[in-house]
Amino acid sequence: QAQLVESGGGLVQPGGSLRLSCTASGFTLRHYAVGWFRQAPGKEREGVSCISNRDNTSYYADSVKGRFSVSRDIAKNTVDLQMRDLKVEDTAVYYCGTQPKVGERYDSWGQGTQVTVSS
């Protein structure tokens, strides 16, 4: 059964770091473009980052550019989101999703992992 699972969320102080993982089971993640999204309470889901399956080109929202980095771990069948210099406004549930290629419809989602940035 194909499944995506996010992990690595937690509570961190402002300025801290977290590394989220999106792990696929039942299919090979490197065959898909993978996007990271987040949704804060009372707000719409927003795109954070995406990595292409064609050439691993990565894309970032302006709000996280220079602080977040997305990468693939082929051996682990994951896409990781390294988050540094976290801010209170990064607090949200983070989701990963897959699409056949960048720009196409997302066809699979994980259940999300909570990231809370607070002092």
PDB file of N, CA and C in Angstrom:
ATOM      1  N   GLN A   1       0.855  -1.197   0.000  1.00  0.00           N
ATOM      2  CA  GLN A   1       0.000   0.000   0.000  1.00  0.00           C
ATOM      3  C   GLN A   1       0.880   1.233   0.000  1.00  0.00           C
ATOM      4  N   ALA A   2       0.654   2.120  -0.969  1.00  0.00           N
ATOM      5  CA  ALA A   2       1.448   3.329  -1.071  1.00  0.00           C
ATOM      6  C   ALA A   2       1.102   4.289   0.058  1.00  0.00           C
ATOM      7  N   GLN A   3       2.137   4.834   0.676  1.00  0.00           N
ATOM      8  CA  GLN A   3       1.905   5.702   1.832  1.00  0.00           C
ATOM      9  C   GLN A   3       3.034   6.699   1.966  1.00  0.00           C
ATOM     10  N   LEU A   4       2.693   7.903   2.421  1.00  0.00           N
ATOM     11  CA  LEU A   4       3.671   8.922   2.763  1.00  0.00           C
ATOM     12  C   LEU A   4       3.547   9.209   4.253  1.00  0.00           C
ATOM     13  N   VAL A   5       4.666   9.315   4.940  1.00  0.00           N
ATOM     14  CA  VAL A   5       4.647   9.617   6.366  1.00  0.00           C
ATOM     15  C   VAL A   5       5.678  10.705   6.647  1.00  0.00           C
ATOM     16  N   GLU A   6       5.218  11.794   7.274  1.00  0.00           N
ATOM     17  CA  GLU A   6       6.124  12.853   7.708  1.00  0.00           C
ATOM     18  C   GLU A   6       6.582  12.583   9.135  1.00  0.00           C
ATOM     19  N   SER A   7       7.798  12.975   9.443  1.00  0.00           N
ATOM     20  CA  SER A   7       8.331  12.837  10.796  1.00  0.00           C
ATOM     21  C   SER A   7       9.348  13.941  11.042  1.00  0.00           C
ATOM     22  N   GLY A   8       9.706  14.098  12.314  1.00  0.00           N
ATOM     23  CA  GLY A   8      10.752  15.043  12.673  1.00  0.00           C
ATOM     24  C   GLY A   8      10.254  16.341  13.276  1.00  0.00           C
ATOM     25  N   GLY A   9       8.951  16.513  13.359  1.00  0.00           N
ATOM     26  CA  GLY A   9       8.426  17.730  13.953  1.00  0.00           C
ATOM     27  C   GLY A   9       8.657  17.769  15.448  1.00  0.00           C
ATOM     28  N   GLY A  10       8.370  18.908  16.032  1.00  0.00           N
ATOM     29  CA  GLY A  10       8.530  19.054  17.470  1.00  0.00           C
ATOM     30  C   GLY A  10       8.502  20.493  17.892  1.00  0.00           C
ATOM     31  N   LEU A  11       8.918  20.708  19.131  1.00  0.00           N
ATOM     32  CA  LEU A  11       8.962  22.045  19.722  1.00  0.00           C
ATOM     33  C   LEU A  11      10.406  22.530  19.708  1.00  0.00           C
ATOM     34  N   VAL A  12      10.620  23.729  19.211  1.00  0.00           N
ATOM     35  CA  VAL A  12      11.967  24.286  19.136  1.00  0.00           C
ATOM     36  C   VAL A  12      11.896  25.780  19.438  1.00  0.00           C
ATOM     37  N   GLN A  13      12.970  26.304  19.992  1.00  0.00           N
ATOM     38  CA  GLN A  13      13.030  27.736  20.289  1.00  0.00           C
ATOM     39  C   GLN A  13      13.336  28.528  19.018  1.00  0.00           C
ATOM     40  N   PRO A  14      12.933  29.793  18.988  1.00  0.00           N
ATOM     41  CA  PRO A  14      13.302  30.634  17.844  1.00  0.00           C
ATOM     42  C   PRO A  14      14.813  30.611  17.604  1.00  0.00           C
ATOM     43  N   GLY A  15      15.180  30.510  16.344  1.00  0.00           N
ATOM     44  CA  GLY A  15      16.589  30.399  15.987  1.00  0.00           C
ATOM     45  C   GLY A  15      17.086  28.970  15.903  1.00  0.00           C
ATOM     46  N   GLY A  16      16.277  28.037  16.337  1.00  0.00           N
ATOM     47  CA  GLY A  16      16.667  26.633  16.331  1.00  0.00           C
ATOM     48  C   GLY A  16      16.470  25.975  14.979  1.00  0.00           C
ATOM     49  N   SER A  17      16.737  24.674  14.960  1.00  0.00           N
ATOM     50  CA  SER A  17      16.664  23.903  13.716  1.00  0.00           C
ATOM     51  C   SER A  17      15.860  22.625  13.917  1.00  0.00           C
ATOM     52  N   LEU A  18      15.275  22.175  12.845  1.00  0.00           N
ATOM     53  CA  LEU A  18      14.610  20.871  12.806  1.00  0.00           C
ATOM     54  C   LEU A  18      14.815  20.290  11.419  1.00  0.00           C
ATOM     55  N   ARG A  19      14.781  18.973  11.349  1.00  0.00           N
ATOM     56  CA  ARG A  19      14.865  18.291  10.063  1.00  0.00           C
ATOM     57  C   ARG A  19      13.649  17.390   9.922  1.00  0.00           C
ATOM     58  N   LEU A  20      12.829  17.689   8.951  1.00  0.00           N
ATOM     59  CA  LEU A  20      11.651  16.877   8.680  1.00  0.00           C
ATOM     60  C   LEU A  20      11.963  15.856   7.594  1.00  0.00           C
ATOM     61  N   SER A  21      11.352  14.707   7.703  1.00  0.00           N
ATOM     62  CA  SER A  21      11.500  13.676   6.676  1.00  0.00           C
ATOM     63  C   SER A  21      10.130  13.288   6.133  1.00  0.00           C
ATOM     64  N   CYS A  22      10.088  13.074   4.851  1.00  0.00           N
ATOM     65  CA  CYS A  22       8.905  12.543   4.168  1.00  0.00           C
ATOM     66  C   CYS A  22       9.313  11.172   3.643  1.00  0.00           C
ATOM     67  N   THR A  23       8.775  10.131   4.236  1.00  0.00           N
ATOM     68  CA  THR A  23       9.171   8.767   3.898  1.00  0.00           C
ATOM     69  C   THR A  23       8.072   8.069   3.111  1.00  0.00           C
ATOM     70  N   ALA A  24       8.459   7.478   2.009  1.00  0.00           N
ATOM     71  CA  ALA A  24       7.501   6.759   1.178  1.00  0.00           C
ATOM     72  C   ALA A  24       7.618   5.260   1.409  1.00  0.00           C
ATOM     73  N   SER A  25       6.478   4.603   1.409  1.00  0.00           N
ATOM     74  CA  SER A  25       6.463   3.148   1.432  1.00  0.00           C
ATOM     75  C   SER A  25       5.520   2.675   0.332  1.00  0.00           C
ATOM     76  N   GLY A  26       5.909   1.586  -0.307  1.00  0.00           N
ATOM     77  CA  GLY A  26       5.076   1.045  -1.367  1.00  0.00           C
ATOM     78  C   GLY A  26       5.335   1.643  -2.736  1.00  0.00           C
ATOM     79  N   PHE A  27       6.222   2.642  -2.811  1.00  0.00           N
ATOM     80  CA  PHE A  27       6.593   3.200  -4.109  1.00  0.00           C
ATOM     81  C   PHE A  27       7.928   3.916  -3.968  1.00  0.00           C
ATOM     82  N   THR A  28       8.548   4.236  -5.102  1.00  0.00           N
ATOM     83  CA  THR A  28       9.870   4.849  -5.109  1.00  0.00           C
ATOM     84  C   THR A  28       9.736   6.358  -5.231  1.00  0.00           C
ATOM     85  N   LEU A  29      10.140   7.052  -4.173  1.00  0.00           N
ATOM     86  CA  LEU A  29       9.890   8.488  -4.083  1.00  0.00           C
ATOM     87  C   LEU A  29      10.679   9.279  -5.124  1.00  0.00           C
ATOM     88  N   ARG A  30      11.827   8.807  -5.545  1.00  0.00           N
ATOM     89  CA  ARG A  30      12.642   9.580  -6.473  1.00  0.00           C
ATOM     90  C   ARG A  30      11.993   9.699  -7.856  1.00  0.00           C
ATOM     91  N   HIS A  31      10.959   8.911  -8.098  1.00  0.00           N
ATOM     92  CA  HIS A  31      10.236   8.997  -9.366  1.00  0.00           C
ATOM     93  C   HIS A  31       9.222  10.134  -9.384  1.00  0.00           C
ATOM     94  N   TYR A  32       9.084  10.820  -8.247  1.00  0.00           N
ATOM     95  CA  TYR A  32       8.082  11.865  -8.112  1.00  0.00           C
ATOM     96  C   TYR A  32       8.709  13.181  -7.681  1.00  0.00           C
ATOM     97  N   ALA A  33       8.095  14.274  -8.129  1.00  0.00           N
ATOM     98  CA  ALA A  33       8.394  15.561  -7.517  1.00  0.00           C
ATOM     99  C   ALA A  33       7.712  15.579  -6.158  1.00  0.00           C
ATOM    100  N   VAL A  34       8.355  16.164  -5.180  1.00  0.00           N
ATOM    101  CA  VAL A  34       7.830  16.182  -3.819  1.00  0.00           C
ATOM    102  C   VAL A  34       7.762  17.622  -3.327  1.00  0.00           C
ATOM    103  N   GLY A  35       6.633  17.959  -2.776  1.00  0.00           N
ATOM    104  CA  GLY A  35       6.449  19.292  -2.222  1.00  0.00           C
ATOM    105  C   GLY A  35       6.223  19.237  -0.730  1.00  0.00           C
ATOM    106  N   TRP A  36       6.695  20.266  -0.069  1.00  0.00           N
ATOM    107  CA  TRP A  36       6.406  20.468   1.362  1.00  0.00           C
ATOM    108  C   TRP A  36       5.459  21.670   1.478  1.00  0.00           C
ATOM    109  N   PHE A  37       4.441  21.486   2.275  1.00  0.00           N
ATOM    110  CA  PHE A  37       3.455  22.519   2.531  1.00  0.00           C
ATOM    111  C   PHE A  37       3.309  22.676   4.041  1.00  0.00           C
ATOM    112  N   ARG A  38       2.693  23.759   4.444  1.00  0.00           N
ATOM    113  CA  ARG A  38       2.385  23.933   5.864  1.00  0.00           C
ATOM    114  C   ARG A  38       1.061  24.653   6.010  1.00  0.00           C
ATOM    115  N   GLN A  39       0.443  24.398   7.143  1.00  0.00           N
ATOM    116  CA  GLN A  39      -0.824  25.051   7.446  1.00  0.00           C
ATOM    117  C   GLN A  39      -0.830  25.451   8.918  1.00  0.00           C
ATOM    118  N   ALA A  40      -0.924  26.743   9.148  1.00  0.00           N
ATOM    119  CA  ALA A  40      -1.013  27.273  10.507  1.00  0.00           C
ATOM    120  C   ALA A  40      -2.481  27.421  10.868  1.00  0.00           C
ATOM    121  N   PRO A  41      -2.794  27.427  12.165  1.00  0.00           N
ATOM    122  CA  PRO A  41      -4.191  27.557  12.599  1.00  0.00           C
ATOM    123  C   PRO A  41      -4.839  28.805  11.999  1.00  0.00           C
ATOM    124  N   GLY A  42      -6.003  28.610  11.408  1.00  0.00           N
ATOM    125  CA  GLY A  42      -6.726  29.734  10.848  1.00  0.00           C
ATOM    126  C   GLY A  42      -6.226  30.234   9.518  1.00  0.00           C
ATOM    127  N   LYS A  43      -5.220  29.572   8.963  1.00  0.00           N
ATOM    128  CA  LYS A  43      -4.650  30.006   7.685  1.00  0.00           C
ATOM    129  C   LYS A  43      -4.772  28.911   6.646  1.00  0.00           C
ATOM    130  N   GLU A  44      -4.661  29.296   5.396  1.00  0.00           N
ATOM    131  CA  GLU A  44      -4.694  28.326   4.320  1.00  0.00           C
ATOM    132  C   GLU A  44      -3.352  27.602   4.207  1.00  0.00           C
ATOM    133  N   ARG A  45      -3.409  26.411   3.614  1.00  0.00           N
ATOM    134  CA  ARG A  45      -2.181  25.667   3.377  1.00  0.00           C
ATOM    135  C   ARG A  45      -1.331  26.430   2.360  1.00  0.00           C
ATOM    136  N   GLU A  46      -0.047  26.541   2.648  1.00  0.00           N
ATOM    137  CA  GLU A  46       0.849  27.250   1.732  1.00  0.00           C
ATOM    138  C   GLU A  46       2.028  26.375   1.343  1.00  0.00           C
ATOM    139  N   GLY A  47       2.490  26.551   0.131  1.00  0.00           N
ATOM    140  CA  GLY A  47       3.658  25.819  -0.331  1.00  0.00           C
ATOM    141  C   GLY A  47       4.927  26.363   0.294  1.00  0.00           C
ATOM    142  N   VAL A  48       5.798  25.485   0.715  1.00  0.00           N
ATOM    143  CA  VAL A  48       7.058  25.857   1.361  1.00  0.00           C
ATOM    144  C   VAL A  48       8.239  25.582   0.442  1.00  0.00           C
ATOM    145  N   SER A  49       8.248  24.375  -0.100  1.00  0.00           N
ATOM    146  CA  SER A  49       9.383  23.973  -0.933  1.00  0.00           C
ATOM    147  C   SER A  49       8.966  22.816  -1.822  1.00  0.00           C
ATOM    148  N   CYS A  50       9.739  22.618  -2.880  1.00  0.00           N
ATOM    149  CA  CYS A  50       9.459  21.521  -3.807  1.00  0.00           C
ATOM    150  C   CYS A  50      10.779  21.082  -4.424  1.00  0.00           C
ATOM    151  N   ILE A  51      10.874  19.780  -4.700  1.00  0.00           N
ATOM    152  CA  ILE A  51      12.067  19.273  -5.367  1.00  0.00           C
ATOM    153  C   ILE A  51      11.630  18.471  -6.587  1.00  0.00           C
ATOM    154  N   SER A  52      12.259  18.778  -7.689  1.00  0.00           N
ATOM    155  CA  SER A  52      11.919  18.135  -8.953  1.00  0.00           C
ATOM    156  C   SER A  52      12.392  16.687  -8.994  1.00  0.00           C
ATOM    157  N   ASN A  53      11.690  15.871  -9.752  1.00  0.00           N
ATOM    158  CA  ASN A  53      12.130  14.490  -9.978  1.00  0.00           C
ATOM    159  C   ASN A  53      12.933  14.378 -11.277  1.00  0.00           C
ATOM    160  N   ARG A  54      12.992  15.466 -12.035  1.00  0.00           N
ATOM    161  CA  ARG A  54      13.731  15.430 -13.305  1.00  0.00           C
ATOM    162  C   ARG A  54      15.216  15.659 -13.076  1.00  0.00           C
ATOM    163  N   ASP A  55      15.520  16.716 -12.280  1.00  0.00           N
ATOM    164  CA  ASP A  55      16.926  17.065 -12.079  1.00  0.00           C
ATOM    165  C   ASP A  55      17.211  17.525 -10.653  1.00  0.00           C
ATOM    166  N   ASN A  56      16.267  17.260  -9.753  1.00  0.00           N
ATOM    167  CA  ASN A  56      16.388  17.635  -8.335  1.00  0.00           C
ATOM    168  C   ASN A  56      16.506  19.146  -8.126  1.00  0.00           C
ATOM    169  N   THR A  57      16.040  19.928  -9.081  1.00  0.00           N
ATOM    170  CA  THR A  57      15.959  21.370  -8.845  1.00  0.00           C
ATOM    171  C   THR A  57      15.021  21.623  -7.674  1.00  0.00           C
ATOM    172  N   SER A  58      15.401  22.537  -6.803  1.00  0.00           N
ATOM    173  CA  SER A  58      14.582  22.830  -5.628  1.00  0.00           C
ATOM    174  C   SER A  58      14.006  24.250  -5.726  1.00  0.00           C
ATOM    175  N   TYR A  59      12.857  24.413  -5.118  1.00  0.00           N
ATOM    176  CA  TYR A  59      12.140  25.682  -5.130  1.00  0.00           C
ATOM    177  C   TYR A  59      11.723  26.009  -3.698  1.00  0.00           C
ATOM    178  N   TYR A  60      11.691  27.299  -3.383  1.00  0.00           N
ATOM    179  CA  TYR A  60      11.366  27.711  -2.020  1.00  0.00           C
ATOM    180  C   TYR A  60      10.453  28.929  -2.038  1.00  0.00           C
ATOM    181  N   ALA A  61       9.559  28.965  -1.054  1.00  0.00           N
ATOM    182  CA  ALA A  61       8.784  30.175  -0.828  1.00  0.00           C
ATOM    183  C   ALA A  61       9.722  31.271  -0.334  1.00  0.00           C
ATOM    184  N   ASP A  62       9.391  32.504  -0.650  1.00  0.00           N
ATOM    185  CA  ASP A  62      10.245  33.623  -0.229  1.00  0.00           C
ATOM    186  C   ASP A  62      10.427  33.652   1.285  1.00  0.00           C
ATOM    187  N   SER A  63       9.389  33.240   2.005  1.00  0.00           N
ATOM    188  CA  SER A  63       9.428  33.316   3.464  1.00  0.00           C
ATOM    189  C   SER A  63      10.448  32.365   4.089  1.00  0.00           C
ATOM    190  N   VAL A  64      10.881  31.352   3.341  1.00  0.00           N
ATOM    191  CA  VAL A  64      11.822  30.370   3.913  1.00  0.00           C
ATOM    192  C   VAL A  64      13.144  30.321   3.159  1.00  0.00           C
ATOM    193  N   LYS A  65      13.241  31.077   2.073  1.00  0.00           N
ATOM    194  CA  LYS A  65      14.445  31.048   1.247  1.00  0.00           C
ATOM    195  C   LYS A  65      15.663  31.441   2.085  1.00  0.00           C
ATOM    196  N   GLY A  66      16.716  30.663   1.974  1.00  0.00           N
ATOM    197  CA  GLY A  66      17.925  30.915   2.740  1.00  0.00           C
ATOM    198  C   GLY A  66      17.936  30.265   4.115  1.00  0.00           C
ATOM    199  N   ARG A  67      16.791  29.776   4.553  1.00  0.00           N
ATOM    200  CA  ARG A  67      16.705  29.116   5.876  1.00  0.00           C
ATOM    201  C   ARG A  67      16.377  27.638   5.761  1.00  0.00           C
ATOM    202  N   PHE A  68      15.590  27.274   4.745  1.00  0.00           N
ATOM    203  CA  PHE A  68      15.177  25.877   4.557  1.00  0.00           C
ATOM    204  C   PHE A  68      15.918  25.294   3.361  1.00  0.00           C
ATOM    205  N   SER A  69      16.138  23.989   3.442  1.00  0.00           N
ATOM    206  CA  SER A  69      16.814  23.293   2.345  1.00  0.00           C
ATOM    207  C   SER A  69      16.168  21.924   2.162  1.00  0.00           C
ATOM    208  N   VAL A  70      15.812  21.590   0.923  1.00  0.00           N
ATOM    209  CA  VAL A  70      15.165  20.308   0.644  1.00  0.00           C
ATOM    210  C   VAL A  70      16.146  19.404  -0.095  1.00  0.00           C
ATOM    211  N   SER A  71      16.091  18.113   0.217  1.00  0.00           N
ATOM    212  CA  SER A  71      17.015  17.167  -0.414  1.00  0.00           C
ATOM    213  C   SER A  71      16.404  15.767  -0.427  1.00  0.00           C
ATOM    214  N   ARG A  72      16.945  14.943  -1.300  1.00  0.00           N
ATOM    215  CA  ARG A  72      16.507  13.545  -1.372  1.00  0.00           C
ATOM    216  C   ARG A  72      17.545  12.628  -0.730  1.00  0.00           C
ATOM    217  N   ASP A  73      17.048  11.595  -0.064  1.00  0.00           N
ATOM    218  CA  ASP A  73      17.911  10.498   0.386  1.00  0.00           C
ATOM    219  C   ASP A  73      17.394   9.267  -0.336  1.00  0.00           C
ATOM    220  N   ILE A  74      18.080   8.917  -1.420  1.00  0.00           N
ATOM    221  CA  ILE A  74      17.606   7.823  -2.272  1.00  0.00           C
ATOM    222  C   ILE A  74      17.588   6.515  -1.502  1.00  0.00           C
ATOM    223  N   ALA A  75      18.627   6.277  -0.713  1.00  0.00           N
ATOM    224  CA  ALA A  75      18.741   5.008   0.020  1.00  0.00           C
ATOM    225  C   ALA A  75      17.598   4.826   1.014  1.00  0.00           C
ATOM    226  N   LYS A  76      17.185   5.933   1.629  1.00  0.00           N
ATOM    227  CA  LYS A  76      16.120   5.854   2.638  1.00  0.00           C
ATOM    228  C   LYS A  76      14.735   6.065   2.034  1.00  0.00           C
ATOM    229  N   ASN A  77      14.693   6.419   0.743  1.00  0.00           N
ATOM    230  CA  ASN A  77      13.416   6.674   0.066  1.00  0.00           C
ATOM    231  C   ASN A  77      12.658   7.826   0.741  1.00  0.00           C
ATOM    232  N   THR A  78      13.428   8.885   1.064  1.00  0.00           N
ATOM    233  CA  THR A  78      12.841  10.044   1.731  1.00  0.00           C
ATOM    234  C   THR A  78      13.181  11.337   0.993  1.00  0.00           C
ATOM    235  N   VAL A  79      12.405  12.354   1.297  1.00  0.00           N
ATOM    236  CA  VAL A  79      12.756  13.733   0.962  1.00  0.00           C
ATOM    237  C   VAL A  79      12.760  14.491   2.277  1.00  0.00           C
ATOM    238  N   ASP A  80      13.878  15.121   2.570  1.00  0.00           N
ATOM    239  CA  ASP A  80      14.056  15.798   3.846  1.00  0.00           C
ATOM    240  C   ASP A  80      13.968  17.306   3.682  1.00  0.00           C
ATOM    241  N   LEU A  81      13.459  17.964   4.708  1.00  0.00           N
ATOM    242  CA  LEU A  81      13.404  19.416   4.746  1.00  0.00           C
ATOM    243  C   LEU A  81      14.198  19.873   5.963  1.00  0.00           C
ATOM    244  N   GLN A  82      15.370  20.422   5.731  1.00  0.00           N
ATOM    245  CA  GLN A  82      16.178  20.972   6.808  1.00  0.00           C
ATOM    246  C   GLN A  82      15.749  22.409   7.044  1.00  0.00           C
ATOM    247  N   MET A  83      15.365  22.692   8.273  1.00  0.00           N
ATOM    248  CA  MET A  83      14.873  24.018   8.621  1.00  0.00           C
ATOM    249  C   MET A  83      15.809  24.636   9.651  1.00  0.00           C
ATOM    250  N   ARG A  84      16.331  25.793   9.343  1.00  0.00           N
ATOM    251  CA  ARG A  84      17.252  26.498  10.238  1.00  0.00           C
ATOM    252  C   ARG A  84      16.709  27.884  10.555  1.00  0.00           C
ATOM    253  N   ASP A  85      17.228  28.473  11.613  1.00  0.00           N
ATOM    254  CA  ASP A  85      16.825  29.827  12.020  1.00  0.00           C
ATOM    255  C   ASP A  85      15.305  29.941  12.059  1.00  0.00           C
ATOM    256  N   LEU A  86      14.696  28.995  12.733  1.00  0.00           N
ATOM    257  CA  LEU A  86      13.246  28.955  12.766  1.00  0.00           C
ATOM    258  C   LEU A  86      12.667  30.157  13.487  1.00  0.00           C
ATOM    259  N   LYS A  87      11.521  30.589  12.993  1.00  0.00           N
ATOM    260  CA  LYS A  87      10.831  31.751  13.545  1.00  0.00           C
ATOM    261  C   LYS A  87       9.466  31.316  14.077  1.00  0.00           C
ATOM    262  N   VAL A  88       8.915  32.121  14.942  1.00  0.00           N
ATOM    263  CA  VAL A  88       7.599  31.803  15.505  1.00  0.00           C
ATOM    264  C   VAL A  88       6.583  31.601  14.381  1.00  0.00           C
ATOM    265  N   GLU A  89       6.708  32.387  13.330  1.00  0.00           N
ATOM    266  CA  GLU A  89       5.746  32.291  12.226  1.00  0.00           C
ATOM    267  C   GLU A  89       5.916  31.041  11.373  1.00  0.00           C
ATOM    268  N   ASP A  90       6.921  30.230  11.653  1.00  0.00           N
ATOM    269  CA  ASP A  90       7.061  28.931  10.980  1.00  0.00           C
ATOM    270  C   ASP A  90       6.203  27.858  11.642  1.00  0.00           C
ATOM    271  N   THR A  91       5.600  28.185  12.761  1.00  0.00           N
ATOM    272  CA  THR A  91       4.752  27.227  13.463  1.00  0.00           C
ATOM    273  C   THR A  91       3.580  26.810  12.587  1.00  0.00           C
ATOM    274  N   ALA A  92       3.425  25.518  12.394  1.00  0.00           N
ATOM    275  CA  ALA A  92       2.378  24.997  11.517  1.00  0.00           C
ATOM    276  C   ALA A  92       2.452  23.474  11.510  1.00  0.00           C
ATOM    277  N   VAL A  93       1.445  22.860  10.914  1.00  0.00           N
ATOM    278  CA  VAL A  93       1.535  21.445  10.561  1.00  0.00           C
ATOM    279  C   VAL A  93       2.149  21.378   9.167  1.00  0.00           C
ATOM    280  N   TYR A  94       3.190  20.579   9.040  1.00  0.00           N
ATOM    281  CA  TYR A  94       3.902  20.448   7.776  1.00  0.00           C
ATOM    282  C   TYR A  94       3.509  19.133   7.098  1.00  0.00           C
ATOM    283  N   TYR A  95       3.215  19.243   5.823  1.00  0.00           N
ATOM    284  CA  TYR A  95       2.792  18.097   5.024  1.00  0.00           C
ATOM    285  C   TYR A  95       3.720  17.927   3.823  1.00  0.00           C
ATOM    286  N   CYS A  96       3.882  16.688   3.396  1.00  0.00           N
ATOM    287  CA  CYS A  96       4.545  16.462   2.118  1.00  0.00           C
ATOM    288  C   CYS A  96       3.539  15.813   1.164  1.00  0.00           C
ATOM    289  N   GLY A  97       3.771  16.049  -0.109  1.00  0.00           N
ATOM    290  CA  GLY A  97       2.906  15.498  -1.136  1.00  0.00           C
ATOM    291  C   GLY A  97       3.716  15.170  -2.375  1.00  0.00           C
ATOM    292  N   THR A  98       3.196  14.285  -3.198  1.00  0.00           N
ATOM    293  CA  THR A  98       3.899  13.905  -4.419  1.00  0.00           C
ATOM    294  C   THR A  98       3.104  14.327  -5.646  1.00  0.00           C
ATOM    295  N   GLN A  99       3.827  14.636  -6.691  1.00  0.00           N
ATOM    296  CA  GLN A  99       3.223  14.939  -7.984  1.00  0.00           C
ATOM    297  C   GLN A  99       4.065  14.288  -9.070  1.00  0.00           C
ATOM    298  N   PRO A 100       3.428  13.871 -10.158  1.00  0.00           N
ATOM    299  CA  PRO A 100       4.198  13.190 -11.218  1.00  0.00           C
ATOM    300  C   PRO A 100       5.388  14.009 -11.707  1.00  0.00           C
ATOM    301  N   LYS A 101       5.217  15.315 -11.788  1.00  0.00           N
ATOM    302  CA  LYS A 101       6.319  16.222 -12.038  1.00  0.00           C
ATOM    303  C   LYS A 101       5.889  17.602 -11.565  1.00  0.00           C
ATOM    304  N   VAL A 102       6.846  18.480 -11.393  1.00  0.00           N
ATOM    305  CA  VAL A 102       6.570  19.821 -10.880  1.00  0.00           C
ATOM    306  C   VAL A 102       5.507  20.508 -11.746  1.00  0.00           C
ATOM    307  N   GLY A 103       4.508  21.046 -11.079  1.00  0.00           N
ATOM    308  CA  GLY A 103       3.453  21.767 -11.770  1.00  0.00           C
ATOM    309  C   GLY A 103       2.202  20.966 -12.009  1.00  0.00           C
ATOM    310  N   GLU A 104       2.291  19.674 -11.821  1.00  0.00           N
ATOM    311  CA  GLU A 104       1.107  18.833 -12.001  1.00  0.00           C
ATOM    312  C   GLU A 104       0.385  18.660 -10.668  1.00  0.00           C
ATOM    313  N   ARG A 105      -0.760  18.032 -10.737  1.00  0.00           N
ATOM    314  CA  ARG A 105      -1.598  17.876  -9.554  1.00  0.00           C
ATOM    315  C   ARG A 105      -0.945  16.935  -8.549  1.00  0.00           C
ATOM    316  N   TYR A 106      -1.015  17.307  -7.273  1.00  0.00           N
ATOM    317  CA  TYR A 106      -0.531  16.436  -6.204  1.00  0.00           C
ATOM    318  C   TYR A 106      -1.498  15.261  -6.054  1.00  0.00           C
ATOM    319  N   ASP A 107      -0.942  14.051  -5.978  1.00  0.00           N
ATOM    320  CA  ASP A 107      -1.797  12.876  -5.953  1.00  0.00           C
ATOM    321  C   ASP A 107      -1.653  12.036  -4.691  1.00  0.00           C
ATOM    322  N   SER A 108      -0.785  12.442  -3.784  1.00  0.00           N
ATOM    323  CA  SER A 108      -0.627  11.682  -2.550  1.00  0.00           C
ATOM    324  C   SER A 108      -0.136  12.637  -1.464  1.00  0.00           C
ATOM    325  N   TRP A 109      -0.647  12.443  -0.244  1.00  0.00           N
ATOM    326  CA  TRP A 109      -0.302  13.319   0.876  1.00  0.00           C
ATOM    327  C   TRP A 109      -0.011  12.499   2.118  1.00  0.00           C
ATOM    328  N   GLY A 110       0.860  13.026   2.964  1.00  0.00           N
ATOM    329  CA  GLY A 110       1.055  12.455   4.283  1.00  0.00           C
ATOM    330  C   GLY A 110       0.066  13.051   5.262  1.00  0.00           C
ATOM    331  N   GLN A 111       0.171  12.611   6.525  1.00  0.00           N
ATOM    332  CA  GLN A 111      -0.790  13.033   7.540  1.00  0.00           C
ATOM    333  C   GLN A 111      -0.359  14.310   8.256  1.00  0.00           C
ATOM    334  N   GLY A 112       0.901  14.707   8.044  1.00  0.00           N
ATOM    335  CA  GLY A 112       1.405  15.939   8.637  1.00  0.00           C
ATOM    336  C   GLY A 112       2.186  15.718   9.912  1.00  0.00           C
ATOM    337  N   THR A 113       3.065  16.663  10.203  1.00  0.00           N
ATOM    338  CA  THR A 113       3.827  16.663  11.451  1.00  0.00           C
ATOM    339  C   THR A 113       3.843  18.083  11.995  1.00  0.00           C
ATOM    340  N   GLN A 114       3.634  18.210  13.295  1.00  0.00           N
ATOM    341  CA  GLN A 114       3.527  19.529  13.916  1.00  0.00           C
ATOM    342  C   GLN A 114       4.910  20.114  14.199  1.00  0.00           C
ATOM    343  N   VAL A 115       5.090  21.351  13.796  1.00  0.00           N
ATOM    344  CA  VAL A 115       6.281  22.120  14.142  1.00  0.00           C
ATOM    345  C   VAL A 115       5.830  23.330  14.938  1.00  0.00           C
ATOM    346  N   THR A 116       6.364  23.457  16.152  1.00  0.00           N
ATOM    347  CA  THR A 116       6.024  24.589  17.006  1.00  0.00           C
ATOM    348  C   THR A 116       7.310  25.322  17.370  1.00  0.00           C
ATOM    349  N   VAL A 117       7.348  26.602  17.046  1.00  0.00           N
ATOM    350  CA  VAL A 117       8.500  27.435  17.372  1.00  0.00           C
ATOM    351  C   VAL A 117       8.057  28.426  18.437  1.00  0.00           C
ATOM    352  N   SER A 118       8.620  28.264  19.608  1.00  0.00           N
ATOM    353  CA  SER A 118       8.190  29.072  20.728  1.00  0.00           C
ATOM    354  C   SER A 118       9.290  29.141  21.778  1.00  0.00           C
ATOM    355  N   SER A 119       9.346  30.277  22.445  1.00  0.00           N
ATOM    356  CA  SER A 119      10.308  30.419  23.536  1.00  0.00           C
ATOM    357  C   SER A 119       9.665  30.072  24.866  1.00  0.00           C
TER     358      SER A 119
END
